[in-house]
Every structure is written in C-alpha cells, then in structure tokens.
Protein backbone atom coordinates (compact mmCIF):
# COMPACT_ATOMS: atom_id res chain seq x y z
CA MET A 1 -81.95 5.69 -14.76
CA PRO A 2 -79.26 8.32 -13.90
CA THR A 3 -76.62 9.54 -16.12
CA TYR A 4 -73.12 8.23 -15.83
CA SER A 5 -70.42 10.54 -14.65
CA GLN A 6 -66.55 10.38 -14.80
CA ALA A 7 -66.52 9.81 -10.89
CA ASP A 8 -69.10 6.58 -11.31
CA TYR A 9 -66.85 5.42 -13.93
CA ASP A 10 -63.96 5.90 -11.91
CA ALA A 11 -65.49 4.16 -9.18
CA ASN A 12 -66.25 1.11 -11.34
CA LYS A 13 -70.12 1.71 -10.14
CA ILE A 14 -72.66 -0.44 -12.33
CA PHE A 15 -76.72 0.78 -12.70
CA ASN A 16 -78.84 -2.01 -14.21
CA CYS A 17 -76.47 -4.19 -15.48
CA CYS A 18 -77.52 -7.85 -16.14
CA ILE A 19 -74.61 -9.80 -15.44
CA SER A 20 -71.74 -8.20 -13.39
CA VAL A 21 -68.59 -10.93 -12.61
CA THR A 22 -65.91 -9.26 -10.80
CA ASP A 23 -63.60 -10.30 -7.89
CA SER A 24 -61.66 -13.31 -9.18
CA THR A 25 -64.18 -15.17 -10.67
CA VAL A 26 -62.80 -18.20 -12.84
CA GLY A 27 -65.10 -19.82 -15.48
CA VAL A 28 -68.16 -18.15 -16.45
CA GLU A 29 -70.53 -19.75 -19.30
CA VAL A 30 -73.37 -17.00 -20.55
CA VAL A 31 -75.58 -19.37 -23.34
CA ASN A 32 -78.87 -18.88 -25.40
CA CYS A 33 -79.68 -15.86 -23.60
CA THR A 34 -80.97 -12.42 -24.85
CA PHE A 35 -80.60 -9.11 -23.74
CA LYS A 36 -82.78 -6.56 -24.70
CA ASN A 37 -82.80 -2.60 -24.49
CA LEU A 38 -80.44 -2.25 -21.44
CA TYR A 39 -79.36 0.88 -19.75
CA THR A 40 -75.83 -0.11 -19.72
CA ASN A 41 -73.72 -3.04 -20.19
CA ALA A 42 -75.30 -6.24 -20.55
CA ILE A 43 -72.27 -8.05 -19.57
CA TYR A 44 -69.70 -6.81 -17.31
CA PHE A 45 -66.70 -8.99 -16.42
CA LYS A 46 -63.63 -7.59 -15.03
CA ASN A 47 -60.64 -9.00 -12.96
CA SER A 48 -61.83 -12.35 -13.43
CA SER A 49 -61.11 -15.00 -16.08
CA ASP A 50 -62.41 -17.59 -18.85
CA LEU A 51 -65.47 -16.22 -19.81
CA THR A 52 -67.55 -17.69 -22.57
CA VAL A 53 -70.36 -16.16 -24.16
CA ASP A 54 -72.30 -18.13 -26.97
CA SER A 55 -75.80 -18.10 -29.13
CA CYS A 56 -76.71 -15.05 -27.39
CA LYS A 57 -78.48 -11.74 -28.94
CA PHE A 58 -78.15 -8.18 -27.90
CA TYR A 59 -80.43 -5.19 -28.39
CA SER A 60 -80.24 -1.43 -27.73
CA LEU A 61 -81.95 1.47 -28.27
CA VAL A 62 -80.07 4.53 -29.12
CA GLN A 63 -77.84 5.15 -26.23
CA THR A 64 -77.49 8.99 -25.13
CA GLN A 65 -74.91 8.52 -21.97
CA GLN A 66 -71.24 8.42 -23.09
CA LEU A 67 -69.90 5.76 -20.55
CA ARG A 68 -70.66 2.11 -20.08
CA ALA A 69 -71.82 2.25 -23.79
CA GLU A 70 -70.86 -1.54 -24.93
CA HIS A 71 -73.24 -4.70 -25.00
CA ILE A 72 -69.92 -7.00 -23.59
CA ALA A 73 -67.02 -5.40 -21.35
CA ILE A 74 -64.33 -7.16 -20.70
CA LEU A 75 -61.83 -5.52 -18.06
CA THR A 76 -58.56 -6.55 -16.47
CA PHE A 77 -59.05 -10.53 -17.35
CA GLY A 78 -56.87 -13.47 -17.97
CA GLY A 79 -57.78 -17.38 -19.06
CA ILE A 80 -59.04 -18.20 -21.97
CA ASN A 81 -62.24 -16.41 -23.33
CA SER A 82 -64.62 -16.45 -25.99
CA ILE A 83 -67.32 -14.92 -27.54
CA ARG A 84 -69.23 -16.38 -30.65
CA ASN A 85 -72.15 -17.12 -32.51
CA CYS A 86 -73.78 -13.83 -31.11
CA GLU A 87 -75.85 -10.87 -32.71
CA PHE A 88 -75.95 -7.10 -31.70
CA PHE A 89 -79.21 -5.48 -33.11
CA ASN A 90 -78.79 -1.46 -32.33
CA THR A 91 -81.81 0.63 -33.46
CA ALA A 92 -81.35 2.05 -36.60
CA HIS A 93 -80.10 6.15 -36.43
CA THR A 94 -78.34 8.52 -38.43
CA THR A 95 -75.94 9.89 -35.11
CA PRO A 96 -72.32 8.49 -34.27
CA ALA A 97 -72.49 10.31 -31.08
CA VAL A 98 -75.27 7.84 -29.72
CA GLY A 99 -74.33 4.74 -30.82
CA VAL A 100 -73.68 1.43 -29.08
CA GLY A 101 -70.26 -0.83 -29.18
CA CYS A 102 -70.72 -4.52 -29.21
CA VAL A 103 -67.36 -5.79 -27.50
CA LEU A 104 -65.23 -3.75 -25.49
CA TYR A 105 -61.94 -5.56 -23.85
CA SER A 106 -58.98 -4.38 -21.99
CA GLY A 107 -56.12 -5.20 -19.63
CA MET A 108 -55.03 -8.99 -20.81
CA ALA A 109 -53.18 -10.97 -17.98
CA ASN A 110 -49.86 -12.94 -19.38
CA GLY A 111 -51.00 -15.94 -21.38
CA ALA A 112 -54.63 -14.94 -21.64
CA SER A 113 -56.46 -15.31 -24.92
CA LEU A 114 -59.53 -13.97 -26.41
CA GLU A 115 -61.87 -15.66 -29.46
CA LEU A 116 -64.22 -13.22 -31.53
CA ALA A 117 -65.85 -15.79 -33.94
CA ASN A 118 -69.17 -15.69 -35.92
CA LEU A 119 -70.27 -12.64 -34.83
CA TYR A 120 -73.09 -10.12 -36.45
CA SER A 121 -73.78 -6.42 -35.69
CA GLU A 122 -76.02 -3.74 -37.15
CA TYR A 123 -75.36 0.22 -36.42
CA ALA A 124 -72.54 -0.34 -34.08
CA GLY A 125 -69.83 2.15 -32.88
CA ARG A 126 -69.72 5.66 -31.87
CA ASP A 127 -67.44 9.01 -32.11
CA ASN A 128 -66.03 10.89 -29.91
CA THR A 129 -68.29 13.37 -29.11
CA GLY A 130 -68.46 12.56 -25.22
CA ALA A 131 -64.58 11.83 -25.45
CA HIS A 132 -65.26 7.99 -25.31
CA ARG A 133 -65.05 6.66 -29.02
CA VAL A 134 -65.83 3.08 -29.55
CA ALA A 135 -65.36 0.66 -32.26
CA ALA A 136 -67.86 -1.88 -33.19
CA PHE A 137 -65.34 -4.55 -31.50
CA ASP A 138 -62.65 -2.30 -29.22
CA GLY A 139 -59.71 -3.42 -27.87
CA TYR A 140 -56.98 -1.47 -26.02
CA SER A 141 -53.92 -1.83 -23.29
CA ASP A 142 -51.86 -4.48 -22.88
CA LEU A 143 -53.67 -7.14 -25.14
CA GLU A 144 -52.39 -10.59 -26.37
CA ASN A 145 -53.56 -13.40 -28.28
CA VAL A 146 -56.75 -12.09 -30.14
CA HIS A 147 -58.14 -13.80 -32.87
CA ALA A 148 -61.34 -12.61 -34.43
CA THR A 149 -63.08 -14.61 -37.81
CA ASN A 150 -65.96 -14.20 -39.30
CA ILE A 151 -67.17 -11.20 -38.15
CA THR A 152 -69.79 -9.02 -40.27
CA CYS A 153 -71.13 -5.45 -39.57
CA GLU A 154 -73.96 -3.72 -41.29
CA ASN A 155 -74.11 -0.02 -41.48
CA ASN A 156 -71.07 0.37 -38.83
CA LEU A 157 -71.44 4.09 -37.64
CA GLY A 158 -67.54 3.96 -36.06
CA MET A 159 -64.52 1.92 -36.35
CA PHE A 160 -64.88 -1.56 -37.14
CA MET A 161 -62.17 -2.79 -34.49
CA ARG A 162 -59.14 -0.92 -32.85
CA LEU A 163 -56.69 -3.43 -31.80
CA SER A 164 -54.12 -1.17 -29.69
CA GLY A 165 -51.16 -2.61 -27.76
CA LEU A 166 -51.95 -5.92 -29.47
CA HIS A 167 -49.44 -8.83 -29.43
CA ASN A 168 -50.24 -11.91 -31.73
CA GLY A 169 -53.46 -11.54 -32.72
CA SER A 170 -55.73 -11.68 -36.62
CA VAL A 171 -58.16 -10.89 -38.16
CA ARG A 172 -59.58 -13.10 -40.77
CA ASP A 173 -63.17 -13.64 -42.62
CA SER A 174 -64.60 -10.56 -41.78
CA ARG A 175 -66.67 -7.81 -43.50
CA CYS A 176 -68.08 -4.18 -42.58
CA ARG A 177 -70.02 -1.76 -44.30
CA TRP A 178 -70.23 1.45 -43.12
CA ASN A 179 -73.45 3.72 -43.11
CA ALA A 180 -73.54 6.73 -44.84
CA ASN A 181 -73.49 8.87 -41.56
CA ALA A 182 -70.65 7.23 -40.31
CA GLU A 183 -67.90 9.38 -38.38
CA LEU A 184 -65.61 10.68 -40.74
CA GLY A 185 -61.78 10.32 -40.92
CA TYR A 186 -60.63 7.48 -39.09
CA ALA A 187 -59.07 3.99 -39.91
CA GLY A 188 -61.79 0.90 -40.20
CA VAL A 189 -59.03 -1.50 -38.37
CA ALA A 190 -57.18 0.69 -36.18
CA MET A 191 -53.58 -1.11 -34.91
CA GLU A 192 -51.73 1.03 -32.47
CA GLY A 193 -48.62 0.59 -29.64
CA PHE A 194 -50.24 3.09 -27.22
CA ASP A 195 -51.71 2.93 -24.05
CA PHE A 196 -54.36 5.79 -24.08
CA GLY A 197 -54.07 8.82 -21.94
CA GLY A 198 -50.55 7.93 -20.65
CA THR A 199 -47.03 6.29 -21.45
CA PRO A 200 -46.95 4.03 -24.55
CA ARG A 201 -46.03 0.37 -23.16
CA LYS A 202 -45.04 -1.56 -26.07
CA GLY A 203 -45.59 -1.84 -30.00
CA ILE A 204 -47.61 -3.83 -31.81
CA ARG A 205 -46.39 -6.96 -33.11
CA ASP A 206 -47.27 -10.35 -34.78
CA ILE A 207 -50.81 -9.75 -36.32
CA HIS A 208 -52.36 -10.69 -39.52
CA ILE A 209 -55.29 -9.18 -41.28
CA ASP A 210 -56.91 -11.74 -44.03
CA ASN A 211 -59.56 -11.82 -46.30
CA VAL A 212 -61.07 -8.81 -44.95
CA GLU A 213 -63.80 -6.69 -46.83
CA ILE A 214 -64.35 -3.01 -46.37
CA ASP A 215 -67.44 -1.85 -48.04
CA ASP A 216 -67.48 2.29 -47.68
CA PRO A 217 -69.85 3.60 -50.51
CA SER A 218 -70.17 7.51 -48.87
CA SER A 219 -66.11 7.36 -48.54
CA ARG A 220 -66.57 8.31 -44.56
CA LEU A 221 -63.15 6.31 -43.63
CA GLU A 222 -60.15 7.78 -44.16
CA TYR A 223 -58.21 4.66 -44.36
CA ALA A 224 -59.14 1.24 -44.37
CA PHE A 225 -56.31 0.05 -41.84
CA GLY A 226 -53.89 2.02 -39.92
CA ILE A 227 -50.70 1.00 -38.41
CA SER A 228 -49.00 3.58 -35.72
CA ALA A 229 -46.77 3.44 -33.53
CA TYR A 230 -46.04 6.48 -31.70
CA ASP A 231 -42.66 6.00 -29.31
CA TRP A 232 -39.25 5.96 -31.34
CA GLY A 233 -38.31 2.52 -29.36
CA ALA A 234 -41.72 0.95 -29.55
CA PRO A 235 -42.03 0.10 -33.05
CA SER A 236 -44.68 -1.99 -34.95
CA GLU A 237 -43.27 -5.54 -35.85
CA ARG A 238 -44.35 -8.20 -38.08
CA ILE A 239 -47.49 -7.20 -39.63
CA LYS A 240 -49.51 -8.76 -42.57
CA ILE A 241 -52.75 -7.18 -44.33
CA THR A 242 -53.49 -9.73 -47.35
CA ASP A 243 -56.01 -10.33 -49.22
CA CYS A 244 -58.37 -7.75 -48.61
CA SER A 245 -60.82 -5.96 -50.78
CA MET A 246 -62.39 -2.53 -50.60
CA VAL A 247 -65.02 -0.47 -52.02
CA GLY A 248 -65.16 3.64 -51.94
CA VAL A 249 -62.32 3.87 -48.93
CA LYS A 250 -60.05 6.93 -49.62
CA ARG A 251 -56.95 5.33 -48.79
CA LEU A 252 -56.12 1.75 -47.79
CA VAL A 253 -53.45 1.40 -45.43
CA LEU A 254 -51.47 4.27 -43.36
CA LEU A 255 -48.25 3.53 -41.57
CA THR A 256 -46.89 5.68 -39.71
CA GLY A 257 -43.81 5.64 -37.00
CA PRO A 258 -41.03 2.95 -36.60
CA TYR A 259 -41.67 -0.49 -38.01
CA HIS A 260 -39.86 -3.76 -38.78
CA ASP A 261 -41.51 -6.24 -41.12
CA ILE A 262 -44.61 -4.52 -42.58
CA THR A 263 -46.21 -6.71 -45.45
CA ILE A 264 -49.21 -5.14 -47.73
CA GLU A 265 -49.98 -7.76 -50.06
CA SER A 266 -53.18 -8.90 -52.75
CA LEU A 267 -55.31 -5.85 -51.31
CA SER A 268 -57.68 -4.52 -54.53
CA SER A 269 -59.35 -1.05 -54.18
CA ARG A 270 -62.29 0.23 -56.38
CA ASP A 271 -63.31 3.85 -56.26
CA GLY A 272 -60.52 5.19 -53.69
CA GLN A 273 -57.90 7.29 -53.43
CA GLY A 274 -54.60 5.61 -52.68
CA LEU A 275 -53.23 2.49 -51.76
CA VAL A 276 -50.02 2.93 -48.94
CA ASN A 277 -49.39 5.91 -47.16
CA VAL A 278 -46.36 6.01 -45.19
CA LEU A 279 -45.03 8.82 -42.50
CA LEU A 280 -41.90 9.08 -40.16
CA GLN A 281 -44.18 10.54 -37.81
CA PRO A 282 -48.29 11.00 -37.48
CA ALA A 283 -49.09 14.38 -39.72
CA GLY A 284 -48.93 17.17 -37.08
CA GLY A 285 -47.61 15.09 -33.87
CA SER A 286 -44.69 14.00 -32.69
CA LEU A 287 -43.16 10.54 -31.35
CA THR A 288 -42.39 10.10 -27.62
CA ALA A 289 -38.68 8.82 -26.51
CA VAL A 290 -39.98 6.86 -23.36
CA HIS A 291 -38.44 3.28 -25.02
CA GLY A 292 -35.87 4.56 -27.43
CA VAL A 293 -34.88 7.62 -29.27
CA GLU A 294 -34.98 8.83 -32.75
CA ALA A 295 -31.26 7.87 -33.76
CA ASP A 296 -32.03 4.08 -32.39
CA ALA A 297 -34.87 3.68 -34.63
CA ARG A 298 -35.37 1.63 -37.50
CA PHE A 299 -38.05 1.66 -40.71
CA ASP A 300 -37.27 -1.28 -42.03
CA ASN A 301 -38.53 -4.12 -44.58
CA LEU A 302 -41.51 -2.53 -46.08
CA ILE A 303 -42.91 -4.62 -48.73
CA ILE A 304 -46.01 -3.65 -51.02
CA ARG A 305 -46.52 -5.93 -53.44
CA GLU A 306 -49.35 -7.52 -55.89
CA ASN A 307 -52.06 -4.89 -55.06
CA VAL A 308 -54.64 -3.53 -57.29
CA ILE A 309 -56.23 -0.15 -57.06
CA ARG A 310 -58.49 1.97 -59.54
CA GLN A 311 -58.05 5.38 -58.39
CA THR A 312 -60.67 8.15 -58.39
CA SER A 313 -58.44 11.37 -57.12
CA ASN A 314 -55.65 13.11 -57.72
CA SER A 315 -53.71 11.44 -54.61
CA ILE A 316 -50.14 9.72 -55.39
CA PRO A 317 -51.42 6.26 -54.51
CA ILE A 318 -47.93 4.54 -52.94
CA SER A 319 -46.49 7.63 -50.96
CA LEU A 320 -43.76 6.99 -48.83
CA ASP A 321 -42.48 10.50 -46.98
CA PHE A 322 -39.62 10.04 -44.65
CA PHE A 323 -39.03 13.78 -44.60
CA ARG A 324 -37.84 15.60 -41.47
CA LYS A 325 -36.13 19.03 -41.97
CA GLY A 326 -32.61 18.31 -41.46
CA GLY A 327 -33.26 14.86 -42.17
CA THR A 328 -34.10 12.21 -39.93
CA THR A 329 -31.77 10.28 -37.39
CA ALA A 330 -33.43 7.09 -37.81
CA ALA A 331 -32.33 4.38 -40.37
CA ILE A 332 -34.21 3.63 -43.61
CA GLY A 333 -33.98 -0.09 -44.69
CA LYS A 334 -35.33 -2.04 -47.25
CA ILE A 335 -38.48 -1.29 -49.13
CA LEU A 336 -39.80 -3.29 -51.99
CA ILE A 337 -42.63 -2.33 -53.91
CA GLU A 338 -43.54 -5.04 -56.71
CA ASP A 339 -46.07 -6.07 -59.25
CA ASN A 340 -48.75 -3.64 -58.11
CA ASP A 341 -51.58 -2.54 -60.72
CA ILE A 342 -52.15 1.07 -60.63
CA THR A 343 -54.64 2.89 -62.74
CA ALA A 344 -56.02 6.48 -62.18
CA ASN A 345 -59.58 6.75 -63.95
CA SER A 346 -60.27 9.59 -66.63
CA GLY A 347 -59.59 12.86 -65.25
CA SER A 348 -57.96 11.72 -62.09
CA ALA A 349 -54.35 11.59 -62.78
CA ALA A 350 -51.89 12.26 -59.70
CA PHE A 351 -48.71 14.07 -60.15
CA ALA A 352 -46.95 10.08 -59.74
CA ALA A 353 -47.91 6.59 -59.21
CA ILE A 354 -45.17 5.82 -57.21
CA SER A 355 -43.19 8.27 -54.74
CA VAL A 356 -40.47 7.50 -52.12
CA GLN A 357 -38.90 10.38 -50.62
CA ILE A 358 -36.14 9.91 -47.94
CA TYR A 359 -34.47 12.61 -46.14
CA SER A 360 -31.74 10.63 -44.11
CA ALA A 361 -29.33 12.38 -41.42
CA SER A 362 -28.04 9.03 -39.97
CA GLY A 363 -26.06 7.55 -43.04
CA GLU A 364 -28.60 4.87 -44.00
CA GLY A 365 -31.02 6.24 -46.26
CA GLY A 366 -32.61 3.31 -48.08
CA ASP A 367 -32.40 0.49 -50.30
CA VAL A 368 -35.39 0.70 -52.61
CA ILE A 369 -36.40 -1.53 -55.26
CA VAL A 370 -39.42 -0.67 -57.39
CA ARG A 371 -39.94 -3.49 -60.21
CA GLY A 372 -42.83 -5.08 -61.90
CA ASN A 373 -45.38 -2.35 -61.47
CA ARG A 374 -47.82 -1.62 -63.79
CA SER A 375 -49.67 2.24 -63.73
CA GLN A 376 -51.63 4.00 -66.08
CA GLY A 377 -53.01 7.55 -66.60
CA PHE A 378 -50.37 9.47 -64.12
CA ASN A 379 -48.76 12.58 -65.12
CA SER A 380 -45.55 10.48 -64.03
CA ASP A 381 -44.87 7.50 -62.64
CA TRP A 382 -41.92 7.10 -60.35
CA TYR A 383 -40.45 9.75 -58.14
CA MET A 384 -37.48 8.79 -56.19
CA ARG A 385 -35.58 11.34 -53.77
CA GLY A 386 -32.85 11.22 -51.29
CA ILE A 387 -32.43 7.42 -51.67
CA ASP A 388 -29.28 5.74 -50.92
CA SER A 389 -29.57 2.70 -53.22
CA VAL A 390 -32.82 2.73 -55.99
CA THR A 391 -33.91 0.18 -58.46
CA VAL A 392 -36.25 1.00 -60.64
CA THR A 393 -36.93 -1.57 -63.43
CA GLY A 394 -39.41 -4.00 -65.04
CA ASN A 395 -42.27 -1.64 -64.75
CA LYS A 396 -44.72 -0.64 -67.34
CA SER A 397 -46.03 3.05 -67.94
CA VAL A 398 -48.86 3.48 -69.73
CA GLY A 399 -49.78 7.02 -70.87
CA ALA A 400 -48.12 9.04 -68.49
CA THR A 401 -48.72 12.45 -70.03
CA GLY A 402 -45.38 13.65 -69.01
CA ASN A 403 -41.91 12.55 -67.81
CA PRO A 404 -42.31 9.34 -66.17
CA TYR A 405 -39.56 10.07 -64.11
CA VAL A 406 -39.59 13.52 -63.78
CA GLY A 407 -37.97 15.06 -60.62
CA SER A 408 -36.19 11.83 -59.71
CA ASP A 409 -32.67 11.48 -58.50
CA ASN A 410 -30.19 9.82 -61.20
CA GLU A 411 -33.04 9.66 -63.95
CA SER A 412 -30.00 8.04 -65.92
CA THR A 413 -29.93 5.21 -63.69
CA ILE A 414 -33.78 4.86 -63.01
CA ARG A 415 -35.14 5.13 -66.80
CA ARG A 416 -33.45 1.68 -67.95
CA GLY A 417 -35.05 -1.33 -68.08
CA ASN A 418 -38.65 -0.17 -67.86
CA ILE A 419 -41.41 -0.03 -70.71
CA TYR A 420 -43.21 3.05 -71.81
CA THR A 421 -46.38 3.23 -73.95
CA ASP A 422 -48.80 5.81 -74.67
CA GLY A 423 -51.67 3.49 -74.20
CA ASN A 424 -53.11 3.33 -77.93
C-alpha cells in the first residue's frame, strides 16, 4: 500500500479503509465486528450523523505512516453518536512515533453528542515525530456534549485524552497507565480552547473530570491534567477536576491563561513533584487577542481544596504565578486554597509549600484565602507577594527548616492564627 502524503490527506483520499461513510449519511450501526491489521482507519465517518459502534474489536500492527493513524475517525458530524464496549489491541512496541490512536473526533454540529463508554486499549497514542500527535482518544475543534465513562488504557504511549474546544463534557471512572517508553512532557488529559493551526474559536467550558486514575511509574508526563486558554478573550470556564489519583506524575494540574470558576478538589498524588501550577500565560509563549485584550481578561474563582500530595522533588507543590514584567492589566479575582495536605519526603524540601505571586497593573490584584492546610518538611510554608487582600489562617506548619512565611508581604498579618511545630 502507498504511504499517505499531506496532499492525499487534504483531498480526503482513503486507501484500504474497511468502512467509509460520507455524504450526509444518517444512522449507521457497526456491531460485533473485528478489524485486524488494517493499513488505515477501520471506520471513517465524515459529514454524516448518528453513528453507533458497539462490541467491536480492533487490532493493529505498528503504524509507520503519519496520517490516518487511528482505528476510528469521526469528522464533521452531527446527531447522537456512541462508541461503547470496544477493545483496541495494538502490537506491543517501544516507539511512540509509530503508535496508533483509538478514536479521533473533530468538528461537531450544534446539538450533536458523543458517548465513549466501556472501552479498553493497549499501546495506544503517538508522539509528534511526523507532525501528527494523537491521543488514545483524541478530540479537537468545535466539540460539545462529549462524555467518556469507564475507559481503560494500558501501556499508553501518548496522551490519554485531548478535549480541545469542548463545551459540555466529562471523563469519569477511567484509568490510564503509561508505558516506560511513552512520549515525554505532555498532559495526560489536555483541555484547551484552541483550533489547531488557526484562530482560537472559543474557550472550553463545563467539563468535569471525576474519579480518573493516572499511573505513570516512569514519570513520562509533565502534568496529569492541562487546562489551557490561548486567547485573552476566550477563557476556560467552569472546569472541575475531582477525586482523581496519581502515581509518579510529575505535577497534577497546569492551568494557563484566563479562567472563571476552576475547582481542583480531592486529588491524591504519590511520588510526584507538584500539585497545581498556575501561569498567567503559557511558559515561553503568549496569548492572542482575537476575542479580547489583556485588560478585559479575568482570572477569577479558583478553588484548590482537600488535595493530598506526597512529594519527591524540590518543586513548590502549589505555585500560582501571575507575574508579568510591569504587572498584568488583567483582573485577578478570588483564590481559595483550603484543607490541603502536603508532605515533602525526606531530602526533597522545596522553598515553600504554597506560593502565590500577583503583580497587577489593573488595580485588581487578587483576594486570596489560604486556610486549614497542613504542610510538612518544607523550608518555608507560605510565600505571598503582591496580593491586594490575603488571609492566611488556621494552617499547620510541621518541621519547617526556616521561617514559615519568609519573604511574604505583610508577615505580621499572615503569621497570626496558624500553628507551627517542629515535627517532634
């Protein structure tokens, strides 16, 4: 068989595809089928609606070409769609560049929906060697009403899930274990408001990640969950990550760009390096101003609550850095950091357990409450700089090797109402 070129891809050429559905077809059911070692997509569904794939098995050899490298591709579709009770078995290998995605979906019509339920995969996902990174379950561009339940990925080689440009979705009761040779440096579940290669169309909103287990024994992932806005006027809104557990992941959550109503609650991490990292904009990058400018952007209502981390590095577990040279003109609003339990393992004490730095030129420099947290084994515990209103109370510092609030503004204010012990 020929190797796909970009021209083939642009012309929608399909070689050796088993089931190809296009041209406004409505109502397709694929049930109890087996697809073995196909050269390209087993199921290609485009410009159609109402697809059901149920109780099917998919097998693939190592995939050396860079395009059409997914078992199921659903593109520009509408209606009610479901992929459930399926298994994806890919040949065991150690090279993410030749991996295979399970399901790729993109471009949903208004009111469309997609259910992913009771799915199992082995050796899924691929890196960006050929300019085509694919998650095990990969969705991007104008998505809505996507709900994933009971997904299990073993020996994953790329991202677990990408949810790009999604309005209304969830991932629940799922598990992903990464292979020791998986791609380095990306998020397990990436939620981002971006249309690849073009103008950001919208932010993401109304997404709930609940009871997801991330097992990364070789620490390949940079973050378990990424929440990213790429335009000052297209924020991430109403995102919840709750009751998830991680082993070996370097950091649990990265939040970049404007946001409204983000909740990070009841996460647990063992052998990791950090809990939450918040940045004004992507590290080494910038935000576009297609939908709004920086002065109109808001970073408001962030809740980090009841999380537990046992940390193995010198990273700051909760680091919120709204730094911009000269100060940001965006408005920084409410931040609540409450009832977290943070322990630095022996010999891994970071500078601080919780750090919040806000440099505002807008006159709205944050309303920060840090209360009820327990931190153990750090050099200091709270580092608070440039905040308009800050309350640090009811926290317990155990075994700090230095001043628990060293370098903070208004030390005399934040030092009251907290408990300090030497750990003995």
